[in-house]
Amino acid sequence: MEEIKEITAEELKQKLERGERLNVVDVREDEEVAQGMIPGAKHIRMGDIPSRLDEFKKDEEYIFVCRSGVRSGNVCYYLQELGYNVCNMIGGMLAWDGEIIPK
């Protein structure tokens, strides 16, 4: 299995603070995102990804986030197999100390 790109929570926070336009996708469940998401992130539950592939473009990079980095890693492997440009935020929201906003 091909390695997937990874980004740390700190690296992602710095990119967002610099104003970079990023595609951050939170794949947690509804009750998890209710406690707060990374500002600008889009919420698509992990189980909904296969039915919402039309929302992803192959020429853009997507950074996936979950609680600990495991589910988002699985999503990354799945989408990378289909030819998408993906990156996993390792450590998930447990590692995130930046701003969060309620969904």
N, C-alpha and C. Protein backbone atom coordinates (compact mmCIF):
# COMPACT_ATOMS: atom_id res chain seq x y z
N MET A 1 0.85 -1.20 0.00
CA MET A 1 0.00 0.00 0.00
C MET A 1 0.89 1.25 0.00
N GLU A 2 0.58 2.16 -0.87
CA GLU A 2 1.39 3.37 -1.00
C GLU A 2 1.21 4.27 0.22
N GLU A 3 2.32 4.88 0.63
CA GLU A 3 2.25 5.80 1.77
C GLU A 3 1.34 6.98 1.46
N ILE A 4 0.71 7.51 2.49
CA ILE A 4 -0.08 8.72 2.29
C ILE A 4 0.65 9.90 2.91
N LYS A 5 0.43 11.07 2.33
CA LYS A 5 1.05 12.28 2.87
C LYS A 5 0.43 12.58 4.23
N GLU A 6 1.25 13.16 5.10
CA GLU A 6 0.75 13.51 6.43
C GLU A 6 1.12 14.95 6.74
N ILE A 7 0.31 15.56 7.59
CA ILE A 7 0.59 16.91 8.08
C ILE A 7 0.30 16.88 9.58
N THR A 8 1.09 17.61 10.35
CA THR A 8 0.81 17.67 11.79
C THR A 8 -0.23 18.76 12.05
N ALA A 9 -0.86 18.68 13.21
CA ALA A 9 -1.84 19.70 13.59
C ALA A 9 -1.17 21.08 13.61
N GLU A 10 0.06 21.14 14.09
CA GLU A 10 0.78 22.41 14.18
C GLU A 10 1.07 22.98 12.78
N GLU A 11 1.48 22.11 11.86
CA GLU A 11 1.75 22.56 10.48
C GLU A 11 0.47 23.10 9.83
N LEU A 12 -0.63 22.39 10.06
CA LEU A 12 -1.90 22.83 9.48
C LEU A 12 -2.31 24.18 10.08
N LYS A 13 -2.15 24.32 11.38
CA LYS A 13 -2.51 25.57 12.05
C LYS A 13 -1.71 26.74 11.46
N GLN A 14 -0.42 26.52 11.24
CA GLN A 14 0.43 27.58 10.69
C GLN A 14 0.00 27.96 9.27
N LYS A 15 -0.34 26.96 8.46
CA LYS A 15 -0.79 27.24 7.09
C LYS A 15 -2.06 28.08 7.11
N LEU A 16 -3.00 27.70 7.99
CA LEU A 16 -4.26 28.44 8.07
C LEU A 16 -4.02 29.86 8.58
N GLU A 17 -3.10 30.00 9.55
CA GLU A 17 -2.80 31.33 10.08
C GLU A 17 -2.16 32.23 9.02
N ARG A 18 -1.44 31.61 8.07
CA ARG A 18 -0.83 32.37 6.98
C ARG A 18 -1.85 32.71 5.90
N GLY A 19 -3.07 32.20 6.07
CA GLY A 19 -4.13 32.51 5.11
C GLY A 19 -4.13 31.63 3.88
N GLU A 20 -3.46 30.48 3.94
CA GLU A 20 -3.48 29.57 2.80
C GLU A 20 -4.90 29.02 2.62
N ARG A 21 -5.31 28.88 1.37
CA ARG A 21 -6.63 28.32 1.08
C ARG A 21 -6.49 26.80 1.00
N LEU A 22 -7.05 26.13 1.98
CA LEU A 22 -6.90 24.68 2.06
C LEU A 22 -8.26 24.01 2.07
N ASN A 23 -8.29 22.78 1.58
CA ASN A 23 -9.50 21.97 1.65
C ASN A 23 -9.36 21.02 2.83
N VAL A 24 -9.93 21.42 3.97
CA VAL A 24 -9.88 20.58 5.17
C VAL A 24 -11.24 19.90 5.30
N VAL A 25 -11.21 18.57 5.43
CA VAL A 25 -12.46 17.80 5.52
C VAL A 25 -12.44 17.02 6.83
N ASP A 26 -13.47 17.26 7.64
CA ASP A 26 -13.62 16.59 8.94
C ASP A 26 -14.54 15.39 8.73
N VAL A 27 -14.05 14.18 8.99
CA VAL A 27 -14.83 12.97 8.71
C VAL A 27 -15.46 12.36 9.97
N ARG A 28 -15.47 13.12 11.07
CA ARG A 28 -16.06 12.61 12.31
C ARG A 28 -17.59 12.57 12.22
N GLU A 29 -18.18 11.96 13.21
CA GLU A 29 -19.64 11.87 13.28
C GLU A 29 -20.25 13.19 13.76
N ASP A 30 -21.55 13.34 13.55
CA ASP A 30 -22.23 14.59 13.88
C ASP A 30 -22.02 15.03 15.32
N GLU A 31 -22.14 14.07 16.26
CA GLU A 31 -22.03 14.45 17.67
C GLU A 31 -20.60 14.87 18.02
N GLU A 32 -19.62 14.40 17.26
CA GLU A 32 -18.23 14.80 17.51
C GLU A 32 -17.98 16.23 17.01
N VAL A 33 -18.44 16.53 15.81
CA VAL A 33 -18.20 17.88 15.27
C VAL A 33 -19.00 18.93 16.01
N ALA A 34 -20.07 18.50 16.69
CA ALA A 34 -20.86 19.46 17.47
C ALA A 34 -20.01 20.13 18.55
N GLN A 35 -18.94 19.47 18.97
CA GLN A 35 -18.05 20.03 19.99
C GLN A 35 -17.04 21.00 19.39
N GLY A 36 -17.05 21.15 18.09
CA GLY A 36 -16.17 22.13 17.46
C GLY A 36 -15.34 21.54 16.35
N MET A 37 -15.13 22.36 15.31
CA MET A 37 -14.36 21.96 14.14
C MET A 37 -13.29 23.01 13.87
N ILE A 38 -12.30 22.63 13.07
CA ILE A 38 -11.30 23.58 12.60
C ILE A 38 -12.02 24.60 11.71
N PRO A 39 -11.80 25.91 11.94
CA PRO A 39 -12.48 26.92 11.12
C PRO A 39 -12.22 26.69 9.63
N GLY A 40 -13.28 26.72 8.85
CA GLY A 40 -13.16 26.53 7.40
C GLY A 40 -13.24 25.09 6.95
N ALA A 41 -13.24 24.15 7.90
CA ALA A 41 -13.32 22.73 7.52
C ALA A 41 -14.73 22.40 7.02
N LYS A 42 -14.78 21.42 6.14
CA LYS A 42 -16.06 20.93 5.63
C LYS A 42 -16.34 19.61 6.34
N HIS A 43 -17.57 19.39 6.74
CA HIS A 43 -17.91 18.15 7.44
C HIS A 43 -18.55 17.16 6.47
N ILE A 44 -17.86 16.04 6.26
CA ILE A 44 -18.45 14.91 5.51
C ILE A 44 -18.13 13.66 6.32
N ARG A 45 -19.15 13.04 6.90
CA ARG A 45 -18.90 11.84 7.71
C ARG A 45 -18.19 10.77 6.89
N MET A 46 -17.30 10.03 7.56
CA MET A 46 -16.53 8.99 6.88
C MET A 46 -17.43 8.08 6.04
N GLY A 47 -18.54 7.66 6.60
CA GLY A 47 -19.43 6.74 5.88
C GLY A 47 -20.10 7.35 4.67
N ASP A 48 -20.09 8.68 4.58
CA ASP A 48 -20.74 9.36 3.46
C ASP A 48 -19.78 9.64 2.30
N ILE A 49 -18.47 9.46 2.53
CA ILE A 49 -17.48 9.81 1.51
C ILE A 49 -17.76 9.12 0.16
N PRO A 50 -18.00 7.79 0.14
CA PRO A 50 -18.19 7.13 -1.17
C PRO A 50 -19.35 7.71 -1.98
N SER A 51 -20.40 8.15 -1.32
CA SER A 51 -21.56 8.68 -2.05
C SER A 51 -21.40 10.17 -2.39
N ARG A 52 -20.31 10.79 -1.91
CA ARG A 52 -20.13 12.23 -2.14
C ARG A 52 -18.83 12.53 -2.89
N LEU A 53 -18.36 11.55 -3.67
CA LEU A 53 -17.10 11.73 -4.41
C LEU A 53 -17.17 12.89 -5.40
N ASP A 54 -18.39 13.21 -5.84
CA ASP A 54 -18.53 14.31 -6.81
C ASP A 54 -18.15 15.66 -6.19
N GLU A 55 -17.97 15.72 -4.86
CA GLU A 55 -17.59 16.97 -4.20
C GLU A 55 -16.07 17.16 -4.16
N PHE A 56 -15.33 16.15 -4.64
CA PHE A 56 -13.87 16.23 -4.63
C PHE A 56 -13.34 16.37 -6.05
N LYS A 57 -12.32 17.22 -6.20
CA LYS A 57 -11.68 17.40 -7.51
C LYS A 57 -10.31 16.75 -7.46
N LYS A 58 -9.94 16.07 -8.54
CA LYS A 58 -8.66 15.34 -8.54
C LYS A 58 -7.46 16.28 -8.63
N ASP A 59 -7.67 17.53 -9.02
CA ASP A 59 -6.53 18.46 -9.15
C ASP A 59 -6.35 19.34 -7.92
N GLU A 60 -7.06 19.02 -6.84
CA GLU A 60 -6.88 19.78 -5.60
C GLU A 60 -6.48 18.82 -4.49
N GLU A 61 -5.78 19.36 -3.47
CA GLU A 61 -5.40 18.52 -2.33
C GLU A 61 -6.43 18.67 -1.21
N TYR A 62 -6.71 17.57 -0.56
CA TYR A 62 -7.65 17.57 0.57
C TYR A 62 -6.94 17.04 1.82
N ILE A 63 -7.14 17.76 2.91
CA ILE A 63 -6.55 17.36 4.19
C ILE A 63 -7.68 16.81 5.05
N PHE A 64 -7.52 15.56 5.50
CA PHE A 64 -8.58 14.90 6.25
C PHE A 64 -8.27 14.85 7.74
N VAL A 65 -9.33 15.06 8.53
CA VAL A 65 -9.22 15.17 9.98
C VAL A 65 -10.28 14.29 10.63
N CYS A 66 -9.89 13.59 11.73
CA CYS A 66 -10.88 12.92 12.56
C CYS A 66 -10.49 13.15 14.01
N ARG A 67 -10.89 12.28 14.93
CA ARG A 67 -10.57 12.50 16.33
C ARG A 67 -9.11 12.23 16.62
N SER A 68 -8.59 11.09 16.10
CA SER A 68 -7.22 10.71 16.45
C SER A 68 -6.31 10.50 15.24
N GLY A 69 -6.88 10.53 14.03
CA GLY A 69 -6.07 10.34 12.83
C GLY A 69 -6.22 8.98 12.18
N VAL A 70 -6.96 8.06 12.82
CA VAL A 70 -7.11 6.71 12.26
C VAL A 70 -8.16 6.67 11.15
N ARG A 71 -9.35 7.18 11.44
CA ARG A 71 -10.40 7.17 10.41
C ARG A 71 -10.00 8.02 9.21
N SER A 72 -9.43 9.20 9.48
CA SER A 72 -9.03 10.06 8.37
C SER A 72 -7.95 9.39 7.53
N GLY A 73 -7.08 8.61 8.20
CA GLY A 73 -6.07 7.85 7.45
C GLY A 73 -6.71 6.82 6.54
N ASN A 74 -7.75 6.15 7.02
CA ASN A 74 -8.45 5.17 6.20
C ASN A 74 -9.11 5.83 5.00
N VAL A 75 -9.70 7.01 5.22
CA VAL A 75 -10.32 7.76 4.12
C VAL A 75 -9.25 8.13 3.09
N CYS A 76 -8.08 8.55 3.58
CA CYS A 76 -7.00 8.92 2.67
C CYS A 76 -6.57 7.75 1.79
N TYR A 77 -6.39 6.57 2.38
CA TYR A 77 -6.01 5.40 1.59
C TYR A 77 -7.07 5.11 0.53
N TYR A 78 -8.32 5.17 0.92
CA TYR A 78 -9.43 4.90 0.00
C TYR A 78 -9.41 5.88 -1.17
N LEU A 79 -9.32 7.18 -0.88
CA LEU A 79 -9.37 8.19 -1.93
C LEU A 79 -8.10 8.19 -2.78
N GLN A 80 -6.97 7.91 -2.16
CA GLN A 80 -5.72 7.87 -2.93
C GLN A 80 -5.77 6.75 -3.96
N GLU A 81 -6.37 5.62 -3.59
CA GLU A 81 -6.54 4.50 -4.53
C GLU A 81 -7.36 4.93 -5.74
N LEU A 82 -8.28 5.87 -5.52
CA LEU A 82 -9.15 6.34 -6.60
C LEU A 82 -8.51 7.50 -7.38
N GLY A 83 -7.29 7.88 -6.99
CA GLY A 83 -6.58 8.90 -7.75
C GLY A 83 -6.69 10.32 -7.21
N TYR A 84 -7.16 10.47 -5.97
CA TYR A 84 -7.28 11.81 -5.38
C TYR A 84 -6.00 12.18 -4.64
N ASN A 85 -5.78 13.49 -4.51
CA ASN A 85 -4.60 14.05 -3.85
C ASN A 85 -4.99 14.33 -2.39
N VAL A 86 -4.51 13.50 -1.48
CA VAL A 86 -4.97 13.55 -0.09
C VAL A 86 -3.81 13.66 0.89
N CYS A 87 -4.15 14.12 2.09
CA CYS A 87 -3.18 14.29 3.16
C CYS A 87 -3.91 14.05 4.48
N ASN A 88 -3.28 13.33 5.40
CA ASN A 88 -3.91 13.01 6.69
C ASN A 88 -3.31 13.88 7.79
N MET A 89 -4.18 14.51 8.60
CA MET A 89 -3.68 15.24 9.76
C MET A 89 -3.46 14.23 10.88
N ILE A 90 -2.18 13.94 11.16
CA ILE A 90 -1.87 12.93 12.17
C ILE A 90 -2.20 13.47 13.57
N GLY A 91 -2.69 12.55 14.41
CA GLY A 91 -3.05 12.94 15.76
C GLY A 91 -4.47 13.46 15.89
N GLY A 92 -5.07 13.82 14.74
CA GLY A 92 -6.47 14.26 14.74
C GLY A 92 -6.74 15.45 15.64
N MET A 93 -8.01 15.61 15.99
CA MET A 93 -8.43 16.74 16.81
C MET A 93 -7.85 16.66 18.22
N LEU A 94 -7.42 15.48 18.64
CA LEU A 94 -6.78 15.35 19.95
C LEU A 94 -5.48 16.16 19.99
N ALA A 95 -4.85 16.33 18.80
CA ALA A 95 -3.59 17.07 18.73
C ALA A 95 -3.79 18.55 18.39
N TRP A 96 -5.01 18.93 18.07
CA TRP A 96 -5.29 20.30 17.60
C TRP A 96 -5.43 21.25 18.79
N ASP A 97 -4.60 22.29 18.83
CA ASP A 97 -4.74 23.26 19.92
C ASP A 97 -5.10 24.64 19.37
N GLY A 98 -5.46 24.67 18.09
CA GLY A 98 -5.86 25.95 17.49
C GLY A 98 -7.32 26.24 17.79
N GLU A 99 -7.81 27.27 17.12
CA GLU A 99 -9.19 27.70 17.30
C GLU A 99 -10.13 26.60 16.83
N ILE A 100 -11.27 26.48 17.49
CA ILE A 100 -12.34 25.60 16.96
C ILE A 100 -13.64 26.40 16.98
N ILE A 101 -14.48 26.07 16.02
CA ILE A 101 -15.78 26.73 15.95
C ILE A 101 -16.87 25.66 15.98
N PRO A 102 -18.02 26.00 16.58
CA PRO A 102 -19.10 25.01 16.59
C PRO A 102 -19.64 24.82 15.17
N LYS A 103 -20.08 23.62 14.89
CA LYS A 103 -20.65 23.36 13.55
C LYS A 103 -22.05 23.94 13.52
